[in-house]
PDB file of N, CA and C in Angstrom:
ATOM      1  N   MET A   1      69.518 104.364  75.596  1.00  0.00           N
ATOM      2  CA  MET A   1      69.716 104.620  77.006  1.00  0.00           C
ATOM      3  C   MET A   1      70.701 103.621  77.612  1.00  0.00           C
ATOM      4  N   LYS A   2      70.572 102.344  77.273  1.00  0.00           N
ATOM      5  CA  LYS A   2      71.471 101.337  77.813  1.00  0.00           C
ATOM      6  C   LYS A   2      72.898 101.565  77.347  1.00  0.00           C
ATOM      7  N   ILE A   3      73.067 102.001  76.109  1.00  0.00           N
ATOM      8  CA  ILE A   3      74.415 102.262  75.588  1.00  0.00           C
ATOM      9  C   ILE A   3      75.041 103.423  76.344  1.00  0.00           C
ATOM     10  N   ALA A   4      74.268 104.446  76.619  1.00  0.00           N
ATOM     11  CA  ALA A   4      74.786 105.589  77.374  1.00  0.00           C
ATOM     12  C   ALA A   4      75.224 105.159  78.770  1.00  0.00           C
ATOM     13  N   ASN A   5      74.430 104.318  79.417  1.00  0.00           N
ATOM     14  CA  ASN A   5      74.789 103.818  80.746  1.00  0.00           C
ATOM     15  C   ASN A   5      76.057 102.976  80.685  1.00  0.00           C
ATOM     16  N   LEU A   6      76.166 102.155  79.671  1.00  0.00           N
ATOM     17  CA  LEU A   6      77.352 101.322  79.506  1.00  0.00           C
ATOM     18  C   LEU A   6      78.592 102.182  79.302  1.00  0.00           C
ATOM     19  N   LEU A   7      78.474 103.203  78.465  1.00  0.00           N
ATOM     20  CA  LEU A   7      79.609 104.097  78.228  1.00  0.00           C
ATOM     21  C   LEU A   7      80.008 104.844  79.494  1.00  0.00           C
ATOM     22  N   THR A   8      79.022 105.246  80.271  1.00  0.00           N
ATOM     23  CA  THR A   8      79.311 105.932  81.531  1.00  0.00           C
ATOM     24  C   THR A   8      80.048 104.999  82.481  1.00  0.00           C
ATOM     25  N   CYS A   9      79.579 103.763  82.588  1.00  0.00           N
ATOM     26  CA  CYS A   9      80.244 102.778  83.449  1.00  0.00           C
ATOM     27  C   CYS A   9      81.678 102.528  82.991  1.00  0.00           C
ATOM     28  N   CYS A  10      81.865 102.417  81.698  1.00  0.00           N
ATOM     29  CA  CYS A  10      83.211 102.196  81.165  1.00  0.00           C
ATOM     30  C   CYS A  10      84.121 103.369  81.492  1.00  0.00           C
ATOM     31  N   ALA A  11      83.607 104.574  81.383  1.00  0.00           N
ATOM     32  CA  ALA A  11      84.406 105.758  81.696  1.00  0.00           C
ATOM     33  C   ALA A  11      84.795 105.774  83.170  1.00  0.00           C
ATOM     34  N   VAL A  12      83.854 105.424  84.037  1.00  0.00           N
ATOM     35  CA  VAL A  12      84.145 105.384  85.471  1.00  0.00           C
ATOM     36  C   VAL A  12      85.190 104.323  85.769  1.00  0.00           C
ATOM     37  N   LEU A  13      85.027 103.140  85.209  1.00  0.00           N
ATOM     38  CA  LEU A  13      85.996 102.065  85.432  1.00  0.00           C
ATOM     39  C   LEU A  13      87.367 102.424  84.883  1.00  0.00           C
ATOM     40  N   ALA A  14      87.410 103.076  83.743  1.00  0.00           N
ATOM     41  CA  ALA A  14      88.701 103.497  83.183  1.00  0.00           C
ATOM     42  C   ALA A  14      89.383 104.481  84.123  1.00  0.00           C
ATOM     43  N   GLY A  15      88.606 105.369  84.702  1.00  0.00           N
ATOM     44  CA  GLY A  15      89.169 106.314  85.661  1.00  0.00           C
ATOM     45  C   GLY A  15      89.671 105.621  86.907  1.00  0.00           C
ATOM     46  N   LEU A  16      88.938 104.633  87.378  1.00  0.00           N
ATOM     47  CA  LEU A  16      89.363 103.890  88.561  1.00  0.00           C
ATOM     48  C   LEU A  16      90.595 103.037  88.287  1.00  0.00           C
ATOM     49  N   ALA A  17      90.723 102.542  87.084  1.00  0.00           N
ATOM     50  CA  ALA A  17      91.868 101.699  86.749  1.00  0.00           C
ATOM     51  C   ALA A  17      93.170 102.468  86.865  1.00  0.00           C
ATOM     52  N   THR A  18      93.114 103.771  86.677  1.00  0.00           N
ATOM     53  CA  THR A  18      94.325 104.573  86.817  1.00  0.00           C
ATOM     54  C   THR A  18      94.601 104.908  88.269  1.00  0.00           C
ATOM     55  N   ALA A  19      93.754 104.467  89.179  1.00  0.00           N
ATOM     56  CA  ALA A  19      93.885 104.813  90.595  1.00  0.00           C
ATOM     57  C   ALA A  19      94.749 103.823  91.356  1.00  0.00           C
ATOM     58  N   ARG A  20      95.534 103.034  90.677  1.00  0.00           N
ATOM     59  CA  ARG A  20      96.318 101.984  91.318  1.00  0.00           C
ATOM     60  C   ARG A  20      97.079 102.477  92.541  1.00  0.00           C
ATOM     61  N   ALA A  21      97.734 103.592  92.447  1.00  0.00           N
ATOM     62  CA  ALA A  21      98.541 104.091  93.549  1.00  0.00           C
ATOM     63  C   ALA A  21      97.745 104.970  94.500  1.00  0.00           C
ATOM     64  N   HIS A  22      96.444 104.980  94.353  1.00  0.00           N
ATOM     65  CA  HIS A  22      95.648 105.891  95.153  1.00  0.00           C
ATOM     66  C   HIS A  22      94.702 105.182  96.106  1.00  0.00           C
ATOM     67  N   ALA A  23      95.109 104.065  96.647  1.00  0.00           N
ATOM     68  CA  ALA A  23      94.296 103.403  97.657  1.00  0.00           C
ATOM     69  C   ALA A  23      94.265 104.279  98.903  1.00  0.00           C
ATOM     70  N   GLU A  24      93.286 104.039  99.746  1.00  0.00           N
ATOM     71  CA  GLU A  24      93.169 104.831 100.970  1.00  0.00           C
ATOM     72  C   GLU A  24      94.452 104.709 101.785  1.00  0.00           C
ATOM     73  N   PRO A  25      94.874 105.810 102.421  1.00  0.00           N
ATOM     74  CA  PRO A  25      96.093 105.767 103.237  1.00  0.00           C
ATOM     75  C   PRO A  25      95.941 104.815 104.411  1.00  0.00           C
ATOM     76  N   ALA A  26      97.069 104.371 104.924  1.00  0.00           N
ATOM     77  CA  ALA A  26      97.086 103.375 105.986  1.00  0.00           C
ATOM     78  C   ALA A  26      96.336 103.808 107.229  1.00  0.00           C
ATOM     79  N   ASP A  27      96.285 105.103 107.500  1.00  0.00           N
ATOM     80  CA  ASP A  27      95.637 105.542 108.727  1.00  0.00           C
ATOM     81  C   ASP A  27      94.160 105.855 108.543  1.00  0.00           C
ATOM     82  N   ALA A  28      93.606 105.573 107.368  1.00  0.00           N
ATOM     83  CA  ALA A  28      92.210 105.921 107.097  1.00  0.00           C
ATOM     84  C   ALA A  28      91.238 105.370 108.138  1.00  0.00           C
ATOM     85  N   PRO A  29      91.372 104.109 108.588  1.00  0.00           N
ATOM     86  CA  PRO A  29      90.419 103.625 109.576  1.00  0.00           C
ATOM     87  C   PRO A  29      90.524 104.327 110.923  1.00  0.00           C
ATOM     88  N   ASN A  30      91.610 105.041 111.170  1.00  0.00           N
ATOM     89  CA  ASN A  30      91.684 105.821 112.400  1.00  0.00           C
ATOM     90  C   ASN A  30      90.778 107.036 112.316  1.00  0.00           C
ATOM     91  N   ILE A  31      90.476 107.468 111.110  1.00  0.00           N
ATOM     92  CA  ILE A  31      89.595 108.603 110.890  1.00  0.00           C
ATOM     93  C   ILE A  31      88.206 108.035 110.634  1.00  0.00           C
ATOM     94  N   ALA A  32      87.716 107.315 111.607  1.00  0.00           N
ATOM     95  CA  ALA A  32      86.467 106.572 111.440  1.00  0.00           C
ATOM     96  C   ALA A  32      85.244 107.392 111.780  1.00  0.00           C
ATOM     97  N   GLY A  33      85.437 108.622 112.196  1.00  0.00           N
ATOM     98  CA  GLY A  33      84.288 109.416 112.603  1.00  0.00           C
ATOM     99  C   GLY A  33      83.864 109.049 114.013  1.00  0.00           C
ATOM    100  N   ASN A  34      82.773 109.627 114.444  1.00  0.00           N
ATOM    101  CA  ASN A  34      82.324 109.354 115.805  1.00  0.00           C
ATOM    102  C   ASN A  34      81.586 108.018 115.876  1.00  0.00           C
ATOM    103  N   GLU A  35      81.202 107.660 117.048  1.00  0.00           N
ATOM    104  CA  GLU A  35      80.551 106.356 117.264  1.00  0.00           C
ATOM    105  C   GLU A  35      79.185 106.250 116.592  1.00  0.00           C
ATOM    106  N   ASN A  36      78.626 107.358 116.157  1.00  0.00           N
ATOM    107  CA  ASN A  36      77.320 107.318 115.498  1.00  0.00           C
ATOM    108  C   ASN A  36      77.410 106.989 114.014  1.00  0.00           C
ATOM    109  N   MET A  37      78.617 106.914 113.471  1.00  0.00           N
ATOM    110  CA  MET A  37      78.758 106.567 112.059  1.00  0.00           C
ATOM    111  C   MET A  37      78.271 105.126 111.871  1.00  0.00           C
ATOM    112  N   PRO A  38      77.585 104.846 110.784  1.00  0.00           N
ATOM    113  CA  PRO A  38      76.991 103.517 110.590  1.00  0.00           C
ATOM    114  C   PRO A  38      77.994 102.374 110.694  1.00  0.00           C
ATOM    115  N   TRP A  39      79.194 102.578 110.209  1.00  0.00           N
ATOM    116  CA  TRP A  39      80.173 101.486 110.219  1.00  0.00           C
ATOM    117  C   TRP A  39      80.766 101.247 111.605  1.00  0.00           C
ATOM    118  N   ASN A  40      80.580 102.173 112.537  1.00  0.00           N
ATOM    119  CA  ASN A  40      81.118 102.009 113.885  1.00  0.00           C
ATOM    120  C   ASN A  40      80.134 101.363 114.850  1.00  0.00           C
ATOM    121  N   LYS A  41      78.859 101.445 114.543  1.00  0.00           N
ATOM    122  CA  LYS A  41      77.838 100.962 115.471  1.00  0.00           C
ATOM    123  C   LYS A  41      77.965  99.453 115.707  1.00  0.00           C
ATOM    124  N   GLY A  42      78.075  99.098 116.962  1.00  0.00           N
ATOM    125  CA  GLY A  42      78.108  97.697 117.345  1.00  0.00           C
ATOM    126  C   GLY A  42      79.428  96.984 117.106  1.00  0.00           C
ATOM    127  N   VAL A  43      80.469  97.716 116.731  1.00  0.00           N
ATOM    128  CA  VAL A  43      81.774  97.086 116.490  1.00  0.00           C
ATOM    129  C   VAL A  43      82.712  97.475 117.634  1.00  0.00           C
ATOM    130  N   PRO A  44      83.037  96.514 118.510  1.00  0.00           N
ATOM    131  CA  PRO A  44      83.913  96.815 119.639  1.00  0.00           C
ATOM    132  C   PRO A  44      85.319  97.231 119.180  1.00  0.00           C
ATOM    133  N   GLN A  45      85.983  97.992 120.016  1.00  0.00           N
ATOM    134  CA  GLN A  45      87.313  98.509 119.677  1.00  0.00           C
ATOM    135  C   GLN A  45      88.314  97.390 119.389  1.00  0.00           C
ATOM    136  N   ASP A  46      88.256  96.287 120.121  1.00  0.00           N
ATOM    137  CA  ASP A  46      89.211  95.205 119.882  1.00  0.00           C
ATOM    138  C   ASP A  46      89.015  94.573 118.501  1.00  0.00           C
ATOM    139  N   ILE A  47      87.773  94.490 118.048  1.00  0.00           N
ATOM    140  CA  ILE A  47      87.488  93.962 116.707  1.00  0.00           C
ATOM    141  C   ILE A  47      87.977  94.951 115.649  1.00  0.00           C
ATOM    142  N   ARG A  48      87.788  96.235 115.911  1.00  0.00           N
ATOM    143  CA  ARG A  48      88.285  97.260 114.986  1.00  0.00           C
ATOM    144  C   ARG A  48      89.799  97.162 114.829  1.00  0.00           C
ATOM    145  N   THR A  49      90.482  96.912 115.933  1.00  0.00           N
ATOM    146  CA  THR A  49      91.942  96.794 115.897  1.00  0.00           C
ATOM    147  C   THR A  49      92.366  95.601 115.048  1.00  0.00           C
ATOM    148  N   ILE A  50      91.697  94.477 115.207  1.00  0.00           N
ATOM    149  CA  ILE A  50      92.001  93.283 114.412  1.00  0.00           C
ATOM    150  C   ILE A  50      91.731  93.553 112.936  1.00  0.00           C
ATOM    151  N   ALA A  51      90.593  94.197 112.650  1.00  0.00           N
ATOM    152  CA  ALA A  51      90.247  94.511 111.263  1.00  0.00           C
ATOM    153  C   ALA A  51      91.245  95.491 110.667  1.00  0.00           C
ATOM    154  N   ARG A  52      91.628  96.488 111.432  1.00  0.00           N
ATOM    155  CA  ARG A  52      92.598  97.473 110.948  1.00  0.00           C
ATOM    156  C   ARG A  52      93.937  96.809 110.642  1.00  0.00           C
ATOM    157  N   ASP A  53      94.354  95.854 111.471  1.00  0.00           N
ATOM    158  CA  ASP A  53      95.606  95.131 111.214  1.00  0.00           C
ATOM    159  C   ASP A  53      95.534  94.381 109.885  1.00  0.00           C
ATOM    160  N   ALA A  54      94.396  93.747 109.610  1.00  0.00           N
ATOM    161  CA  ALA A  54      94.220  93.044 108.326  1.00  0.00           C
ATOM    162  C   ALA A  54      94.253  94.049 107.175  1.00  0.00           C
ATOM    163  N   PHE A  55      93.608  95.196 107.364  1.00  0.00           N
ATOM    164  CA  PHE A  55      93.604  96.255 106.357  1.00  0.00           C
ATOM    165  C   PHE A  55      95.024  96.746 106.069  1.00  0.00           C
ATOM    166  N   LEU A  56      95.792  96.979 107.115  1.00  0.00           N
ATOM    167  CA  LEU A  56      97.171  97.448 106.922  1.00  0.00           C
ATOM    168  C   LEU A  56      98.023  96.400 106.210  1.00  0.00           C
ATOM    169  N   GLU A  57      97.795  95.130 106.525  1.00  0.00           N
ATOM    170  CA  GLU A  57      98.500  94.062 105.810  1.00  0.00           C
ATOM    171  C   GLU A  57      98.080  94.054 104.344  1.00  0.00           C
ATOM    172  N   GLY A  58      96.803  94.288 104.081  1.00  0.00           N
ATOM    173  CA  GLY A  58      96.340  94.410 102.699  1.00  0.00           C
ATOM    174  C   GLY A  58      97.032  95.550 101.984  1.00  0.00           C
ATOM    175  N   ASN A  59      97.189  96.675 102.659  1.00  0.00           N
ATOM    176  CA  ASN A  59      97.891  97.810 102.053  1.00  0.00           C
ATOM    177  C   ASN A  59      99.342  97.460 101.738  1.00  0.00           C
ATOM    178  N   ARG A  60      99.988  96.728 102.646  1.00  0.00           N
ATOM    179  CA  ARG A  60     101.379  96.323 102.415  1.00  0.00           C
ATOM    180  C   ARG A  60     101.469  95.427 101.183  1.00  0.00           C
ATOM    181  N   LEU A  61     100.558  94.475 101.084  1.00  0.00           N
ATOM    182  CA  LEU A  61     100.539  93.561  99.941  1.00  0.00           C
ATOM    183  C   LEU A  61     100.195  94.304  98.651  1.00  0.00           C
ATOM    184  N   PHE A  62      99.323  95.281  98.738  1.00  0.00           N
ATOM    185  CA  PHE A  62      98.936  96.088  97.577  1.00  0.00           C
ATOM    186  C   PHE A  62     100.153  96.797  96.985  1.00  0.00           C
ATOM    187  N   LYS A  63     101.022  97.299  97.838  1.00  0.00           N
ATOM    188  CA  LYS A  63     102.189  98.062  97.378  1.00  0.00           C
ATOM    189  C   LYS A  63     103.253  97.193  96.734  1.00  0.00           C
ATOM    190  N   ILE A  64     103.254  95.898  96.988  1.00  0.00           N
ATOM    191  CA  ILE A  64     104.324  95.016  96.496  1.00  0.00           C
ATOM    192  C   ILE A  64     104.380  94.909  94.974  1.00  0.00           C
ATOM    193  N   PRO A  65     103.438  94.691  94.170  1.00  0.00           N
ATOM    194  CA  PRO A  65     102.010  94.481  94.325  1.00  0.00           C
ATOM    195  C   PRO A  65     101.623  93.001  94.280  1.00  0.00           C
ATOM    196  N   LEU A  66     100.899  92.584  95.272  1.00  0.00           N
ATOM    197  CA  LEU A  66     100.288  91.255  95.325  1.00  0.00           C
ATOM    198  C   LEU A  66      98.790  91.463  95.515  1.00  0.00           C
ATOM    199  N   PHE A  67      98.131  91.833  94.428  1.00  0.00           N
ATOM    200  CA  PHE A  67      96.740  92.257  94.508  1.00  0.00           C
ATOM    201  C   PHE A  67      95.804  91.164  94.999  1.00  0.00           C
ATOM    202  N   SER A  68      96.010  89.922  94.576  1.00  0.00           N
ATOM    203  CA  SER A  68      95.089  88.863  95.003  1.00  0.00           C
ATOM    204  C   SER A  68      95.191  88.627  96.509  1.00  0.00           C
ATOM    205  N   ARG A  69      96.389  88.711  97.057  1.00  0.00           N
ATOM    206  CA  ARG A  69      96.532  88.549  98.504  1.00  0.00           C
ATOM    207  C   ARG A  69      96.005  89.773  99.248  1.00  0.00           C
ATOM    208  N   ALA A  70      96.148  90.952  98.650  1.00  0.00           N
ATOM    209  CA  ALA A  70      95.577  92.161  99.246  1.00  0.00           C
ATOM    210  C   ALA A  70      94.054  92.051  99.308  1.00  0.00           C
ATOM    211  N   VAL A  71      93.465  91.524  98.234  1.00  0.00           N
ATOM    212  CA  VAL A  71      92.005  91.323  98.205  1.00  0.00           C
ATOM    213  C   VAL A  71      91.580  90.444  99.378  1.00  0.00           C
ATOM    214  N   GLU A  72      92.322  89.382  99.633  1.00  0.00           N
ATOM    215  CA  GLU A  72      91.996  88.479 100.743  1.00  0.00           C
ATOM    216  C   GLU A  72      92.025  89.219 102.080  1.00  0.00           C
ATOM    217  N   LYS A  73      93.033  90.044 102.285  1.00  0.00           N
ATOM    218  CA  LYS A  73      93.163  90.773 103.550  1.00  0.00           C
ATOM    219  C   LYS A  73      92.069  91.824 103.705  1.00  0.00           C
ATOM    220  N   TYR A  74      91.746  92.533 102.613  1.00  0.00           N
ATOM    221  CA  TYR A  74      90.665  93.514 102.692  1.00  0.00           C
ATOM    222  C   TYR A  74      89.338  92.826 102.996  1.00  0.00           C
ATOM    223  N   ALA A  75      89.105  91.663 102.391  1.00  0.00           N
ATOM    224  CA  ALA A  75      87.874  90.912 102.659  1.00  0.00           C
ATOM    225  C   ALA A  75      87.841  90.445 104.111  1.00  0.00           C
ATOM    226  N   GLU A  76      88.978  90.037 104.620  1.00  0.00           N
ATOM    227  CA  GLU A  76      89.076  89.628 106.032  1.00  0.00           C
ATOM    228  C   GLU A  76      88.719  90.809 106.947  1.00  0.00           C
ATOM    229  N   ALA A  77      89.221  91.982 106.614  1.00  0.00           N
ATOM    230  CA  ALA A  77      88.917  93.179 107.407  1.00  0.00           C
ATOM    231  C   ALA A  77      87.423  93.504 107.348  1.00  0.00           C
ATOM    232  N   ILE A  78      86.843  93.399 106.163  1.00  0.00           N
ATOM    233  CA  ILE A  78      85.413  93.691 105.989  1.00  0.00           C
ATOM    234  C   ILE A  78      84.545  92.719 106.773  1.00  0.00           C
ATOM    235  N   ASP A  79      84.971  91.466 106.872  1.00  0.00           N
ATOM    236  CA  ASP A  79      84.211  90.486 107.653  1.00  0.00           C
ATOM    237  C   ASP A  79      84.068  90.917 109.113  1.00  0.00           C
ATOM    238  N   LYS A  80      85.047  91.679 109.598  1.00  0.00           N
ATOM    239  CA  LYS A  80      85.043  92.090 110.994  1.00  0.00           C
ATOM    240  C   LYS A  80      84.460  93.485 111.210  1.00  0.00           C
ATOM    241  N   TRP A  81      84.698  94.375 110.231  1.00  0.00           N
ATOM    242  CA  TRP A  81      84.295  95.773 110.399  1.00  0.00           C
ATOM    243  C   TRP A  81      83.960  96.322 109.025  1.00  0.00           C
ATOM    244  N   LYS A  82      82.771  96.787 108.830  1.00  0.00           N
ATOM    245  CA  LYS A  82      82.293  97.272 107.525  1.00  0.00           C
ATOM    246  C   LYS A  82      82.721  98.728 107.295  1.00  0.00           C
ATOM    247  N   HIS A  83      84.006  98.979 107.344  1.00  0.00           N
ATOM    248  CA  HIS A  83      84.534 100.338 107.188  1.00  0.00           C
ATOM    249  C   HIS A  83      84.634 100.698 105.702  1.00  0.00           C
ATOM    250  N   PRO A  84      84.232 101.906 105.310  1.00  0.00           N
ATOM    251  CA  PRO A  84      84.255 102.291 103.894  1.00  0.00           C
ATOM    252  C   PRO A  84      85.640 102.222 103.261  1.00  0.00           C
ATOM    253  N   ALA A  85      86.689 102.507 104.001  1.00  0.00           N
ATOM    254  CA  ALA A  85      88.046 102.443 103.442  1.00  0.00           C
ATOM    255  C   ALA A  85      88.394 101.022 103.017  1.00  0.00           C
ATOM    256  N   PHE A  86      87.889 100.037 103.756  1.00  0.00           N
ATOM    257  CA  PHE A  86      88.162  98.644 103.411  1.00  0.00           C
ATOM    258  C   PHE A  86      87.521  98.298 102.066  1.00  0.00           C
ATOM    259  N   TYR A  87      86.286  98.735 101.894  1.00  0.00           N
ATOM    260  CA  TYR A  87      85.588  98.485 100.628  1.00  0.00           C
ATOM    261  C   TYR A  87      86.279  99.197  99.473  1.00  0.00           C
ATOM    262  N   PHE A  88      86.705 100.419  99.706  1.00  0.00           N
ATOM    263  CA  PHE A  88      87.370 101.189  98.661  1.00  0.00           C
ATOM    264  C   PHE A  88      88.651 100.483  98.210  1.00  0.00           C
ATOM    265  N   ASN A  89      89.491 100.108  99.171  1.00  0.00           N
ATOM    266  CA  ASN A  89      90.745  99.453  98.811  1.00  0.00           C
ATOM    267  C   ASN A  89      90.506  98.086  98.180  1.00  0.00           C
ATOM    268  N   LEU A  90      89.481  97.377  98.637  1.00  0.00           N
ATOM    269  CA  LEU A  90      89.128  96.103  98.020  1.00  0.00           C
ATOM    270  C   LEU A  90      88.793  96.312  96.543  1.00  0.00           C
ATOM    271  N   ALA A  91      87.985  97.319  96.246  1.00  0.00           N
ATOM    272  CA  ALA A  91      87.605  97.587  94.861  1.00  0.00           C
ATOM    273  C   ALA A  91      88.821  97.936  94.009  1.00  0.00           C
ATOM    274  N   ILE A  92      89.711  98.770  94.540  1.00  0.00           N
ATOM    275  CA  ILE A  92      90.907  99.154  93.778  1.00  0.00           C
ATOM    276  C   ILE A  92      91.792  97.930  93.530  1.00  0.00           C
ATOM    277  N   ALA A  93      91.951  97.087  94.522  1.00  0.00           N
ATOM    278  CA  ALA A  93      92.768  95.876  94.347  1.00  0.00           C
ATOM    279  C   ALA A  93      92.128  94.953  93.309  1.00  0.00           C
ATOM    280  N   GLN A  94      90.799  94.808  93.345  1.00  0.00           N
ATOM    281  CA  GLN A  94      90.113  93.954  92.374  1.00  0.00           C
ATOM    282  C   GLN A  94      90.246  94.513  90.964  1.00  0.00           C
ATOM    283  N   ILE A  95      90.176  95.808  90.824  1.00  0.00           N
ATOM    284  CA  ILE A  95      90.356  96.427  89.502  1.00  0.00           C
ATOM    285  C   ILE A  95      91.758  96.133  88.964  1.00  0.00           C
ATOM    286  N   ASN A  96      92.737  96.154  89.835  1.00  0.00           N
ATOM    287  CA  ASN A  96      94.104  95.883  89.417  1.00  0.00           C
ATOM    288  C   ASN A  96      94.344  94.410  89.066  1.00  0.00           C
ATOM    289  N   LEU A  97      93.445  93.546  89.474  1.00  0.00           N
ATOM    290  CA  LEU A  97      93.544  92.132  89.082  1.00  0.00           C
ATOM    291  C   LEU A  97      93.120  91.913  87.647  1.00  0.00           C
ATOM    292  N   ALA A  98      92.280  92.811  87.137  1.00  0.00           N
ATOM    293  CA  ALA A  98      91.730  92.658  85.781  1.00  0.00           C
ATOM    294  C   ALA A  98      92.764  92.939  84.717  1.00  0.00           C
TER     295      ALA A  98
END
């Protein structure tokens, strides 16, 4: 059972490793859903704007590619706003560091 789980994880990671050019688009945080979405609750618009700016800078660094600096920017964005796109791009950037 453990070997099967390990193989499944390896297959998923191998698939994600090919996703280098498929990070979330720059406008993804604009499609944040309504205010009832879990990641929007309690996050003021001005904080979202600051977090989105860090996310966009992470995307710019990702394209260069400067993955370690992109990771820093995505983490900075996550500290301010727990948006799923930030986590997704952080994971893709971290995979590209390996």
